[in-house]
């Protein structure tokens, strides 16, 4: 399953499509009621609203329903072009209409800003590399090159999601600043439908952020696990015990993060299930390694062997989670 399919499974379309179904026709019919004096400005204002609604339609990627098994393509260029066209219509409308219509122009400009932000967020969460990137984390078994690659991937994701969260927050703020009555009159849609769409997209984004945050903690755990093993090889048992303790805490943090997303979107469910499985076994492995290090410090070789075997079994179980 790629990330585009994930989004459709998540049901994360903008969510205003039912309301928009008949609105474009309504907008075109409304042109006949304008006077000759301001017909050009009214027509351009109407076209701007209609084009923005088309952009919102382009954000709906739920064709086939949330259980559709086919890949869903999202091309940000399509709604982006529509938004640019709408801004052109607004510019003409602003030049043709009197100053008392400025609030109408500003309302539709805000609508354009909201949709532009949602396009950016949707593009981020439909990145088709999620599948391979998640696999890189699940396979980051502490080998230096693999761990380094996985860390680079997660760092990139965190930067992209930070930007997406900022854009989504801006969309929320812009929506809250809208004059609902004016917006509904101009766009011919219920503003709460737009609000629902913004919230729906935010829910999916939040789950993805939680997944990547958990991945980040897992990688911290892997790094600490490797440090502990190196200390063991150098007979630095006290330092090894501390490193394994750090690994255990990191894996436990990851598990708690994953457990907090029990209601994650369907398309992310498999990733969360694998992550919960791995983080649980990795926590157990780090704990056993820590006990082995403590036993080695006191010269209890029997316990060392027992705990190291337990740790290795837990690591094997963690690898099996991703199979």
C-alpha atoms as a PDB file:
ATOM      1  CA  UNK A   1       0.000   0.000   0.000  1.00  0.00           C
ATOM      2  CA  UNK A   2       1.489   3.347  -0.915  1.00  0.00           C
ATOM      3  CA  UNK A   3       0.784   6.622   0.803  1.00  0.00           C
ATOM      4  CA  UNK A   4      -1.707   7.722  -1.804  1.00  0.00           C
ATOM      5  CA  UNK A   5      -3.732   4.597  -1.174  1.00  0.00           C
ATOM      6  CA  UNK A   6      -3.349   5.239   2.541  1.00  0.00           C
ATOM      7  CA  UNK A   7      -5.050   8.588   2.265  1.00  0.00           C
ATOM      8  CA  UNK A   8      -8.097   7.223   0.499  1.00  0.00           C
ATOM      9  CA  UNK A   9      -8.320   4.441   3.081  1.00  0.00           C
ATOM     10  CA  UNK A  10      -8.128   7.083   5.762  1.00  0.00           C
ATOM     11  CA  UNK A  11     -11.123   8.899   4.338  1.00  0.00           C
ATOM     12  CA  UNK A  12      -9.183  12.135   4.393  1.00  0.00           C
ATOM     13  CA  UNK A  13     -10.721  14.045   1.522  1.00  0.00           C
ATOM     14  CA  UNK A  14     -11.529  17.674   2.156  1.00  0.00           C
ATOM     15  CA  UNK A  15     -15.073  16.554   2.908  1.00  0.00           C
ATOM     16  CA  UNK A  16     -17.108  19.293   1.255  1.00  0.00           C
ATOM     17  CA  UNK A  17     -17.894  17.433  -1.957  1.00  0.00           C
ATOM     18  CA  UNK A  18     -21.528  16.623  -1.261  1.00  0.00           C
ATOM     19  CA  UNK A  19     -22.234  20.295  -0.762  1.00  0.00           C
ATOM     20  CA  UNK A  20     -20.302  21.241  -3.874  1.00  0.00           C
ATOM     21  CA  UNK A  21     -22.091  18.815  -6.184  1.00  0.00           C
ATOM     22  CA  UNK A  22     -24.705  21.323  -7.294  1.00  0.00           C
ATOM     23  CA  UNK A  23     -22.980  24.547  -6.393  1.00  0.00           C
ATOM     24  CA  UNK A  24     -21.079  25.131  -9.587  1.00  0.00           C
ATOM     25  CA  UNK A  25     -24.308  25.196 -11.580  1.00  0.00           C
ATOM     26  CA  UNK A  26     -25.867  27.535  -9.032  1.00  0.00           C
ATOM     27  CA  UNK A  27     -22.952  29.916  -9.345  1.00  0.00           C
ATOM     28  CA  UNK A  28     -23.205  30.071 -13.116  1.00  0.00           C
ATOM     29  CA  UNK A  29     -26.957  30.678 -12.947  1.00  0.00           C
ATOM     30  CA  UNK A  30     -26.480  33.520 -10.453  1.00  0.00           C
ATOM     31  CA  UNK A  31     -24.702  35.626 -13.087  1.00  0.00           C
ATOM     32  CA  UNK A  32     -27.983  36.447 -14.783  1.00  0.00           C
ATOM     33  CA  UNK A  33     -29.135  38.442 -11.741  1.00  0.00           C
ATOM     34  CA  UNK A  34     -26.297  40.984 -11.884  1.00  0.00           C
ATOM     35  CA  UNK A  35     -26.778  44.422 -13.415  1.00  0.00           C
ATOM     36  CA  UNK A  36     -25.009  45.615 -16.551  1.00  0.00           C
ATOM     37  CA  UNK A  37     -23.006  48.157 -14.553  1.00  0.00           C
ATOM     38  CA  UNK A  38     -21.123  45.616 -12.498  1.00  0.00           C
ATOM     39  CA  UNK A  39     -21.633  42.493 -14.586  1.00  0.00           C
ATOM     40  CA  UNK A  40     -17.940  41.974 -15.311  1.00  0.00           C
ATOM     41  CA  UNK A  41     -16.930  42.238 -11.663  1.00  0.00           C
ATOM     42  CA  UNK A  42     -19.772  40.025 -10.489  1.00  0.00           C
ATOM     43  CA  UNK A  43     -19.023  37.493 -13.174  1.00  0.00           C
ATOM     44  CA  UNK A  44     -15.364  37.353 -12.205  1.00  0.00           C
ATOM     45  CA  UNK A  45     -16.280  37.066  -8.513  1.00  0.00           C
ATOM     46  CA  UNK A  46     -18.647  34.224  -9.333  1.00  0.00           C
ATOM     47  CA  UNK A  47     -16.035  32.530 -11.484  1.00  0.00           C
ATOM     48  CA  UNK A  48     -13.481  32.831  -8.701  1.00  0.00           C
ATOM     49  CA  UNK A  49     -15.813  31.119  -6.239  1.00  0.00           C
ATOM     50  CA  UNK A  50     -16.659  28.400  -8.728  1.00  0.00           C
ATOM     51  CA  UNK A  51     -13.022  27.775  -9.585  1.00  0.00           C
ATOM     52  CA  UNK A  52     -12.097  27.545  -5.915  1.00  0.00           C
ATOM     53  CA  UNK A  53     -14.850  24.998  -5.432  1.00  0.00           C
ATOM     54  CA  UNK A  54     -13.398  23.037  -8.348  1.00  0.00           C
ATOM     55  CA  UNK A  55     -10.052  23.113  -6.524  1.00  0.00           C
ATOM     56  CA  UNK A  56     -11.784  21.718  -3.456  1.00  0.00           C
ATOM     57  CA  UNK A  57     -13.253  18.990  -5.655  1.00  0.00           C
ATOM     58  CA  UNK A  58      -9.753  18.172  -6.887  1.00  0.00           C
ATOM     59  CA  UNK A  59      -8.760  17.603  -3.263  1.00  0.00           C
ATOM     60  CA  UNK A  60     -11.323  14.829  -2.904  1.00  0.00           C
ATOM     61  CA  UNK A  61      -9.440  11.575  -3.379  1.00  0.00           C
ATOM     62  CA  UNK A  62     -12.040   9.248  -1.942  1.00  0.00           C
ATOM     63  CA  UNK A  63     -13.349   7.948  -5.272  1.00  0.00           C
ATOM     64  CA  UNK A  64     -14.377   4.356  -4.678  1.00  0.00           C
ATOM     65  CA  UNK A  65     -14.786   4.792  -0.938  1.00  0.00           C
ATOM     66  CA  UNK A  66     -12.477   4.344   2.005  1.00  0.00           C
ATOM     67  CA  UNK A  67     -12.009   0.612   1.342  1.00  0.00           C
ATOM     68  CA  UNK A  68     -10.935   1.049  -2.254  1.00  0.00           C
ATOM     69  CA  UNK A  69      -7.912  -1.142  -2.942  1.00  0.00           C
ATOM     70  CA  UNK A  70      -6.759   0.701  -6.043  1.00  0.00           C
ATOM     71  CA  UNK A  71      -4.016   3.285  -5.898  1.00  0.00           C
ATOM     72  CA  UNK A  72      -5.314   6.826  -5.706  1.00  0.00           C
ATOM     73  CA  UNK A  73      -3.324   9.452  -7.516  1.00  0.00           C
ATOM     74  CA  UNK A  74      -3.099  12.958  -6.168  1.00  0.00           C
ATOM     75  CA  UNK A  75      -1.526  15.574  -8.386  1.00  0.00           C
ATOM     76  CA  UNK A  76      -1.103  18.821  -6.475  1.00  0.00           C
ATOM     77  CA  UNK A  77      -0.638  20.671  -9.756  1.00  0.00           C
ATOM     78  CA  UNK A  78      -4.320  20.308 -10.631  1.00  0.00           C
ATOM     79  CA  UNK A  79      -5.863  22.129  -7.633  1.00  0.00           C
ATOM     80  CA  UNK A  80      -2.891  24.512  -7.517  1.00  0.00           C
ATOM     81  CA  UNK A  81      -3.601  25.621 -11.074  1.00  0.00           C
ATOM     82  CA  UNK A  82      -7.277  26.114 -10.269  1.00  0.00           C
ATOM     83  CA  UNK A  83      -6.397  28.229  -7.247  1.00  0.00           C
ATOM     84  CA  UNK A  84      -4.101  30.372  -9.380  1.00  0.00           C
ATOM     85  CA  UNK A  85      -6.905  30.813 -11.928  1.00  0.00           C
ATOM     86  CA  UNK A  86      -9.286  31.820  -9.142  1.00  0.00           C
ATOM     87  CA  UNK A  87      -6.846  34.421  -7.892  1.00  0.00           C
ATOM     88  CA  UNK A  88      -6.747  35.850 -11.414  1.00  0.00           C
ATOM     89  CA  UNK A  89     -10.534  36.145 -11.438  1.00  0.00           C
ATOM     90  CA  UNK A  90     -10.416  37.825  -8.036  1.00  0.00           C
ATOM     91  CA  UNK A  91      -7.870  40.334  -9.238  1.00  0.00           C
ATOM     92  CA  UNK A  92     -10.145  41.304 -12.127  1.00  0.00           C
ATOM     93  CA  UNK A  93     -13.187  41.417  -9.848  1.00  0.00           C
ATOM     94  CA  UNK A  94     -11.366  43.715  -7.437  1.00  0.00           C
ATOM     95  CA  UNK A  95     -10.568  46.106 -10.265  1.00  0.00           C
ATOM     96  CA  UNK A  96     -14.153  46.165 -11.554  1.00  0.00           C
ATOM     97  CA  UNK A  97     -16.178  46.231  -8.342  1.00  0.00           C
ATOM     98  CA  UNK A  98     -16.591  49.144  -5.955  1.00  0.00           C
ATOM     99  CA  UNK A  99     -14.620  49.359  -2.722  1.00  0.00           C
ATOM    100  CA  UNK A 100     -17.596  48.238  -0.675  1.00  0.00           C
ATOM    101  CA  UNK A 101     -17.129  44.775  -2.190  1.00  0.00           C
ATOM    102  CA  UNK A 102     -13.635  44.448  -0.752  1.00  0.00           C
ATOM    103  CA  UNK A 103     -14.879  42.167   2.065  1.00  0.00           C
ATOM    104  CA  UNK A 104     -16.200  39.750  -0.576  1.00  0.00           C
ATOM    105  CA  UNK A 105     -12.863  39.745  -2.368  1.00  0.00           C
ATOM    106  CA  UNK A 106     -11.017  39.188   0.911  1.00  0.00           C
ATOM    107  CA  UNK A 107     -13.316  36.330   1.869  1.00  0.00           C
ATOM    108  CA  UNK A 108     -12.621  34.440  -1.340  1.00  0.00           C
ATOM    109  CA  UNK A 109      -8.911  35.226  -1.075  1.00  0.00           C
ATOM    110  CA  UNK A 110      -8.987  33.619   2.358  1.00  0.00           C
ATOM    111  CA  UNK A 111     -10.801  30.614   0.884  1.00  0.00           C
ATOM    112  CA  UNK A 112      -7.989  30.373  -1.680  1.00  0.00           C
ATOM    113  CA  UNK A 113      -5.388  30.555   1.106  1.00  0.00           C
ATOM    114  CA  UNK A 114      -7.126  27.733   2.982  1.00  0.00           C
ATOM    115  CA  UNK A 115      -7.294  25.486  -0.062  1.00  0.00           C
ATOM    116  CA  UNK A 116      -3.695  26.256  -0.949  1.00  0.00           C
ATOM    117  CA  UNK A 117      -2.620  25.138   2.518  1.00  0.00           C
ATOM    118  CA  UNK A 118      -4.733  21.984   2.293  1.00  0.00           C
ATOM    119  CA  UNK A 119      -3.165  21.135  -1.058  1.00  0.00           C
ATOM    120  CA  UNK A 120       0.287  21.368   0.532  1.00  0.00           C
ATOM    121  CA  UNK A 121      -0.770  19.177   3.464  1.00  0.00           C
ATOM    122  CA  UNK A 122      -2.410  16.624   1.198  1.00  0.00           C
ATOM    123  CA  UNK A 123       0.685  16.456  -0.976  1.00  0.00           C
ATOM    124  CA  UNK A 124       2.795  15.721   2.095  1.00  0.00           C
ATOM    125  CA  UNK A 125       0.622  12.964   3.500  1.00  0.00           C
ATOM    126  CA  UNK A 126       0.169  11.310   0.095  1.00  0.00           C
ATOM    127  CA  UNK A 127       3.893  10.963  -0.523  1.00  0.00           C
ATOM    128  CA  UNK A 128       4.147   7.520  -2.088  1.00  0.00           C
ATOM    129  CA  UNK A 129       7.465   6.815  -0.360  1.00  0.00           C
ATOM    130  CA  UNK A 130       5.853   6.161   3.020  1.00  0.00           C
ATOM    131  CA  UNK A 131       5.850   2.409   2.485  1.00  0.00           C
ATOM    132  CA  UNK A 132       9.546   2.125   1.694  1.00  0.00           C
ATOM    133  CA  UNK A 133      10.493   4.703   4.322  1.00  0.00           C
ATOM    134  CA  UNK A 134       8.599   2.821   7.033  1.00  0.00           C
ATOM    135  CA  UNK A 135      10.299  -0.402   5.974  1.00  0.00           C
ATOM    136  CA  UNK A 136      13.679   1.306   6.350  1.00  0.00           C
ATOM    137  CA  UNK A 137      12.831   2.079   9.971  1.00  0.00           C
ATOM    138  CA  UNK A 138      11.482  -1.413  10.654  1.00  0.00           C
ATOM    139  CA  UNK A 139      14.700  -2.853   9.221  1.00  0.00           C
ATOM    140  CA  UNK A 140      16.973  -0.518  11.186  1.00  0.00           C
ATOM    141  CA  UNK A 141      18.325  -3.324  13.313  1.00  0.00           C
ATOM    142  CA  UNK A 142      21.248  -1.370  14.645  1.00  0.00           C
ATOM    143  CA  UNK A 143      23.628  -1.990  11.764  1.00  0.00           C
ATOM    144  CA  UNK A 144      25.434   1.290  11.302  1.00  0.00           C
ATOM    145  CA  UNK A 145      24.616   1.960   7.627  1.00  0.00           C
ATOM    146  CA  UNK A 146      20.989   0.889   7.978  1.00  0.00           C
ATOM    147  CA  UNK A 147      20.521   2.923  11.140  1.00  0.00           C
ATOM    148  CA  UNK A 148      22.134   5.950   9.553  1.00  0.00           C
ATOM    149  CA  UNK A 149      19.856   5.706   6.517  1.00  0.00           C
ATOM    150  CA  UNK A 150      16.737   5.290   8.645  1.00  0.00           C
ATOM    151  CA  UNK A 151      17.714   8.277  10.794  1.00  0.00           C
ATOM    152  CA  UNK A 152      18.157  10.442   7.719  1.00  0.00           C
ATOM    153  CA  UNK A 153      14.721   9.370   6.464  1.00  0.00           C
ATOM    154  CA  UNK A 154      13.003  10.131   9.761  1.00  0.00           C
ATOM    155  CA  UNK A 155      14.727  13.509  10.061  1.00  0.00           C
ATOM    156  CA  UNK A 156      13.460  14.420   6.596  1.00  0.00           C
ATOM    157  CA  UNK A 157       9.951  13.316   7.485  1.00  0.00           C
ATOM    158  CA  UNK A 158       9.968  15.330  10.681  1.00  0.00           C
ATOM    159  CA  UNK A 159      10.951  18.469   8.771  1.00  0.00           C
ATOM    160  CA  UNK A 160       8.227  17.901   6.171  1.00  0.00           C
ATOM    161  CA  UNK A 161       5.585  17.210   8.799  1.00  0.00           C
ATOM    162  CA  UNK A 162       6.582  20.299  10.780  1.00  0.00           C
ATOM    163  CA  UNK A 163       5.933  22.324   7.643  1.00  0.00           C
ATOM    164  CA  UNK A 164       2.636  20.516   6.994  1.00  0.00           C
ATOM    165  CA  UNK A 165       1.476  21.149  10.558  1.00  0.00           C
ATOM    166  CA  UNK A 166       2.284  24.833  10.169  1.00  0.00           C
ATOM    167  CA  UNK A 167       0.312  25.004   6.916  1.00  0.00           C
ATOM    168  CA  UNK A 168      -2.615  23.159   8.468  1.00  0.00           C
ATOM    169  CA  UNK A 169      -2.562  25.465  11.483  1.00  0.00           C
ATOM    170  CA  UNK A 170      -2.683  28.409   9.125  1.00  0.00           C
ATOM    171  CA  UNK A 171      -5.728  26.913   7.391  1.00  0.00           C
ATOM    172  CA  UNK A 172      -7.464  26.516  10.751  1.00  0.00           C
ATOM    173  CA  UNK A 173      -6.724  30.134  11.685  1.00  0.00           C
ATOM    174  CA  UNK A 174      -7.897  31.400   8.306  1.00  0.00           C
ATOM    175  CA  UNK A 175     -11.117  29.428   8.597  1.00  0.00           C
ATOM    176  CA  UNK A 176     -11.778  30.848  12.070  1.00  0.00           C
ATOM    177  CA  UNK A 177     -11.360  34.356  10.645  1.00  0.00           C
ATOM    178  CA  UNK A 178     -13.972  33.821   7.930  1.00  0.00           C
ATOM    179  CA  UNK A 179     -17.324  35.564   8.022  1.00  0.00           C
ATOM    180  CA  UNK A 180     -19.482  32.436   7.786  1.00  0.00           C
ATOM    181  CA  UNK A 181     -22.531  34.128   6.292  1.00  0.00           C
ATOM    182  CA  UNK A 182     -20.526  36.012   3.689  1.00  0.00           C
ATOM    183  CA  UNK A 183     -18.562  32.873   2.810  1.00  0.00           C
ATOM    184  CA  UNK A 184     -21.709  30.786   2.399  1.00  0.00           C
ATOM    185  CA  UNK A 185     -23.318  33.449   0.245  1.00  0.00           C
ATOM    186  CA  UNK A 186     -20.295  33.667  -2.036  1.00  0.00           C
ATOM    187  CA  UNK A 187     -19.148  30.053  -2.194  1.00  0.00           C
ATOM    188  CA  UNK A 188     -22.638  28.543  -1.912  1.00  0.00           C
ATOM    189  CA  UNK A 189     -21.438  25.874   0.530  1.00  0.00           C
ATOM    190  CA  UNK A 190     -21.979  25.413   4.243  1.00  0.00           C
ATOM    191  CA  UNK A 191     -18.829  26.658   6.021  1.00  0.00           C
ATOM    192  CA  UNK A 192     -19.086  23.784   8.494  1.00  0.00           C
ATOM    193  CA  UNK A 193     -18.467  21.410   5.593  1.00  0.00           C
ATOM    194  CA  UNK A 194     -15.163  23.160   4.986  1.00  0.00           C
ATOM    195  CA  UNK A 195     -14.409  23.022   8.704  1.00  0.00           C
ATOM    196  CA  UNK A 196     -15.072  19.276   8.742  1.00  0.00           C
ATOM    197  CA  UNK A 197     -12.734  18.780   5.831  1.00  0.00           C
ATOM    198  CA  UNK A 198      -9.961  20.751   7.503  1.00  0.00           C
ATOM    199  CA  UNK A 199     -10.408  18.738  10.708  1.00  0.00           C
ATOM    200  CA  UNK A 200     -10.452  15.424   8.829  1.00  0.00           C
ATOM    201  CA  UNK A 201      -7.187  16.226   7.103  1.00  0.00           C
ATOM    202  CA  UNK A 202      -5.731  17.316  10.438  1.00  0.00           C
ATOM    203  CA  UNK A 203      -6.626  13.970  12.008  1.00  0.00           C
ATOM    204  CA  UNK A 204      -4.723  12.079   9.336  1.00  0.00           C
ATOM    205  CA  UNK A 205      -1.781  14.440   9.614  1.00  0.00           C
ATOM    206  CA  UNK A 206      -1.766  14.000  13.401  1.00  0.00           C
ATOM    207  CA  UNK A 207      -1.617  10.220  13.108  1.00  0.00           C
ATOM    208  CA  UNK A 208       1.266  10.430  10.661  1.00  0.00           C
ATOM    209  CA  UNK A 209       3.113  12.801  12.993  1.00  0.00           C
ATOM    210  CA  UNK A 210       2.639  10.324  15.844  1.00  0.00           C
ATOM    211  CA  UNK A 211       3.971   7.482  13.692  1.00  0.00           C
ATOM    212  CA  UNK A 212       7.100   9.412  12.753  1.00  0.00           C
ATOM    213  CA  UNK A 213       7.619  10.609  16.345  1.00  0.00           C
ATOM    214  CA  UNK A 214       7.477   6.982  17.449  1.00  0.00           C
ATOM    215  CA  UNK A 215       9.950   6.038  14.735  1.00  0.00           C
ATOM    216  CA  UNK A 216      12.306   8.730  16.010  1.00  0.00           C
ATOM    217  CA  UNK A 217      12.196   7.248  19.510  1.00  0.00           C
ATOM    218  CA  UNK A 218      12.792   3.759  18.127  1.00  0.00           C
ATOM    219  CA  UNK A 219      15.904   4.943  16.317  1.00  0.00           C
ATOM    220  CA  UNK A 220      17.163   6.559  19.530  1.00  0.00           C
ATOM    221  CA  UNK A 221      16.688   3.167  21.136  1.00  0.00           C
ATOM    222  CA  UNK A 222      18.627   1.389  18.399  1.00  0.00           C
ATOM    223  CA  UNK A 223      21.511   3.832  18.766  1.00  0.00           C
ATOM    224  CA  UNK A 224      21.632   3.328  22.544  1.00  0.00           C
ATOM    225  CA  UNK A 225      21.414  -0.443  22.050  1.00  0.00           C
ATOM    226  CA  UNK A 226      24.455  -0.341  19.802  1.00  0.00           C
ATOM    227  CA  UNK A 227      26.338   1.783  22.331  1.00  0.00           C
ATOM    228  CA  UNK A 228      25.585  -0.774  25.015  1.00  0.00           C
ATOM    229  CA  UNK A 229      26.871  -3.622  22.884  1.00  0.00           C
ATOM    230  CA  UNK A 230      30.106  -1.779  22.224  1.00  0.00           C
ATOM    231  CA  UNK A 231      30.579  -1.175  25.932  1.00  0.00           C
ATOM    232  CA  UNK A 232      30.021  -4.882  26.590  1.00  0.00           C
ATOM    233  CA  UNK A 233      32.710  -5.777  24.060  1.00  0.00           C
ATOM    234  CA  UNK A 234      35.089  -3.429  25.883  1.00  0.00           C
ATOM    235  CA  UNK A 235      34.127  -4.889  29.290  1.00  0.00           C
ATOM    236  CA  UNK A 236      32.641  -1.547  30.336  1.00  0.00           C
ATOM    237  CA  UNK A 237      29.671  -3.134  32.038  1.00  0.00           C
ATOM    238  CA  UNK A 238      28.484  -0.181  34.081  1.00  0.00           C
ATOM    239  CA  UNK A 239      28.374   2.056  31.021  1.00  0.00           C
ATOM    240  CA  UNK A 240      26.712  -0.732  29.078  1.00  0.00           C
ATOM    241  CA  UNK A 241      23.976  -1.046  31.687  1.00  0.00           C
ATOM    242  CA  UNK A 242      23.310   2.700  31.485  1.00  0.00           C
ATOM    243  CA  UNK A 243      23.167   2.592  27.674  1.00  0.00           C
ATOM    244  CA  UNK A 244      20.754  -0.337  27.719  1.00  0.00           C
ATOM    245  CA  UNK A 245      18.630   1.587  30.200  1.00  0.00           C
ATOM    246  CA  UNK A 246      18.514   4.492  27.745  1.00  0.00           C
ATOM    247  CA  UNK A 247      17.521   2.085  24.976  1.00  0.00           C
ATOM    248  CA  UNK A 248      14.753   0.598  27.091  1.00  0.00           C
ATOM    249  CA  UNK A 249      13.372   4.065  27.890  1.00  0.00           C
ATOM    250  CA  UNK A 250      13.453   5.088  24.215  1.00  0.00           C
ATOM    251  CA  UNK A 251      11.691   1.926  23.054  1.00  0.00           C
ATOM    252  CA  UNK A 252       9.111   2.308  25.813  1.00  0.00           C
ATOM    253  CA  UNK A 253       8.473   5.904  24.727  1.00  0.00           C
ATOM    254  CA  UNK A 254       7.994   4.680  21.168  1.00  0.00           C
ATOM    255  CA  UNK A 255       5.547   2.002  22.293  1.00  0.00           C
ATOM    256  CA  UNK A 256       3.518   4.511  24.297  1.00  0.00           C
ATOM    257  CA  UNK A 257       3.401   6.818  21.270  1.00  0.00           C
ATOM    258  CA  UNK A 258       2.152   4.021  19.029  1.00  0.00           C
ATOM    259  CA  UNK A 259      -0.361   2.832  21.635  1.00  0.00           C
ATOM    260  CA  UNK A 260      -1.817   6.332  21.734  1.00  0.00           C
ATOM    261  CA  UNK A 261      -2.976   5.967  18.119  1.00  0.00           C
ATOM    262  CA  UNK A 262      -5.365   3.028  18.451  1.00  0.00           C
ATOM    263  CA  UNK A 263      -7.868   4.833  16.216  1.00  0.00           C
ATOM    264  CA  UNK A 264      -5.359   5.600  13.484  1.00  0.00           C
ATOM    265  CA  UNK A 265      -6.563   5.771   9.866  1.00  0.00           C
ATOM    266  CA  UNK A 266      -7.043   2.396   8.205  1.00  0.00           C
ATOM    267  CA  UNK A 267      -4.207   3.049   5.788  1.00  0.00           C
ATOM    268  CA  UNK A 268      -1.743   3.527   8.647  1.00  0.00           C
ATOM    269  CA  UNK A 269      -3.041   0.670  10.790  1.00  0.00           C
ATOM    270  CA  UNK A 270      -0.531  -1.884   9.494  1.00  0.00           C
ATOM    271  CA  UNK A 271       2.383   0.450  10.182  1.00  0.00           C
ATOM    272  CA  UNK A 272       1.181   1.108  13.716  1.00  0.00           C
ATOM    273  CA  UNK A 273       0.611  -2.606  14.335  1.00  0.00           C
ATOM    274  CA  UNK A 274       4.133  -3.466  13.201  1.00  0.00           C
ATOM    275  CA  UNK A 275       5.581  -0.579  15.203  1.00  0.00           C
ATOM    276  CA  UNK A 276       3.764  -1.644  18.387  1.00  0.00           C
ATOM    277  CA  UNK A 277       4.980  -5.202  17.924  1.00  0.00           C
ATOM    278  CA  UNK A 278       8.572  -4.170  17.351  1.00  0.00           C
ATOM    279  CA  UNK A 279       8.773  -1.588  20.110  1.00  0.00           C
ATOM    280  CA  UNK A 280       7.393  -4.073  22.626  1.00  0.00           C
ATOM    281  CA  UNK A 281       9.974  -6.743  21.795  1.00  0.00           C
ATOM    282  CA  UNK A 282      12.764  -4.180  21.613  1.00  0.00           C
ATOM    283  CA  UNK A 283      11.865  -2.895  25.078  1.00  0.00           C
ATOM    284  CA  UNK A 284      12.151  -6.440  26.389  1.00  0.00           C
ATOM    285  CA  UNK A 285      15.465  -6.942  24.610  1.00  0.00           C
ATOM    286  CA  UNK A 286      16.967  -3.764  26.051  1.00  0.00           C
ATOM    287  CA  UNK A 287      15.795  -4.711  29.536  1.00  0.00           C
ATOM    288  CA  UNK A 288      17.376  -8.170  29.243  1.00  0.00           C
ATOM    289  CA  UNK A 289      20.634  -6.753  27.911  1.00  0.00           C
ATOM    290  CA  UNK A 290      20.722  -4.334  30.846  1.00  0.00           C
ATOM    291  CA  UNK A 291      20.277  -7.184  33.304  1.00  0.00           C
ATOM    292  CA  UNK A 292      23.029  -9.110  31.527  1.00  0.00           C
ATOM    293  CA  UNK A 293      25.379  -6.140  31.861  1.00  0.00           C
ATOM    294  CA  UNK A 294      24.611  -5.819  35.571  1.00  0.00           C
ATOM    295  CA  UNK A 295      25.248  -9.527  36.036  1.00  0.00           C
ATOM    296  CA  UNK A 296      28.539  -9.284  34.164  1.00  0.00           C
ATOM    297  CA  UNK A 297      29.629  -6.470  36.468  1.00  0.00           C
ATOM    298  CA  UNK A 298      29.078  -8.755  39.453  1.00  0.00           C
ATOM    299  CA  UNK A 299      30.623 -11.799  37.752  1.00  0.00           C
ATOM    300  CA  UNK A 300      27.380 -13.808  37.536  1.00  0.00           C
ATOM    301  CA  UNK A 301      28.094 -15.541  34.226  1.00  0.00           C
ATOM    302  CA  UNK A 302      25.060 -17.841  34.407  1.00  0.00           C
ATOM    303  CA  UNK A 303      22.700 -14.895  34.556  1.00  0.00           C
ATOM    304  CA  UNK A 304      24.668 -13.156  31.820  1.00  0.00           C
ATOM    305  CA  UNK A 305      24.129 -16.071  29.448  1.00  0.00           C
ATOM    306  CA  UNK A 306      20.447 -16.423  30.332  1.00  0.00           C
ATOM    307  CA  UNK A 307      19.649 -12.749  29.888  1.00  0.00           C
ATOM    308  CA  UNK A 308      21.634 -12.425  26.670  1.00  0.00           C
ATOM    309  CA  UNK A 309      19.715 -15.371  25.186  1.00  0.00           C
ATOM    310  CA  UNK A 310      16.444 -13.731  26.219  1.00  0.00           C
ATOM    311  CA  UNK A 311      17.556 -10.470  24.613  1.00  0.00           C
ATOM    312  CA  UNK A 312      18.504 -12.154  21.352  1.00  0.00           C
ATOM    313  CA  UNK A 313      15.166 -13.969  21.220  1.00  0.00           C
ATOM    314  CA  UNK A 314      13.390 -10.656  21.693  1.00  0.00           C
ATOM    315  CA  UNK A 315      15.418  -9.098  18.880  1.00  0.00           C
ATOM    316  CA  UNK A 316      14.489 -11.994  16.601  1.00  0.00           C
ATOM    317  CA  UNK A 317      10.831 -11.539  17.536  1.00  0.00           C
ATOM    318  CA  UNK A 318      11.117  -7.836  16.697  1.00  0.00           C
ATOM    319  CA  UNK A 319      12.475  -8.701  13.256  1.00  0.00           C
ATOM    320  CA  UNK A 320       9.583 -11.081  12.693  1.00  0.00           C
ATOM    321  CA  UNK A 321       7.090  -8.281  13.330  1.00  0.00           C
ATOM    322  CA  UNK A 322       7.970  -6.750   9.975  1.00  0.00           C
ATOM    323  CA  UNK A 323       7.651  -9.984   7.987  1.00  0.00           C
END
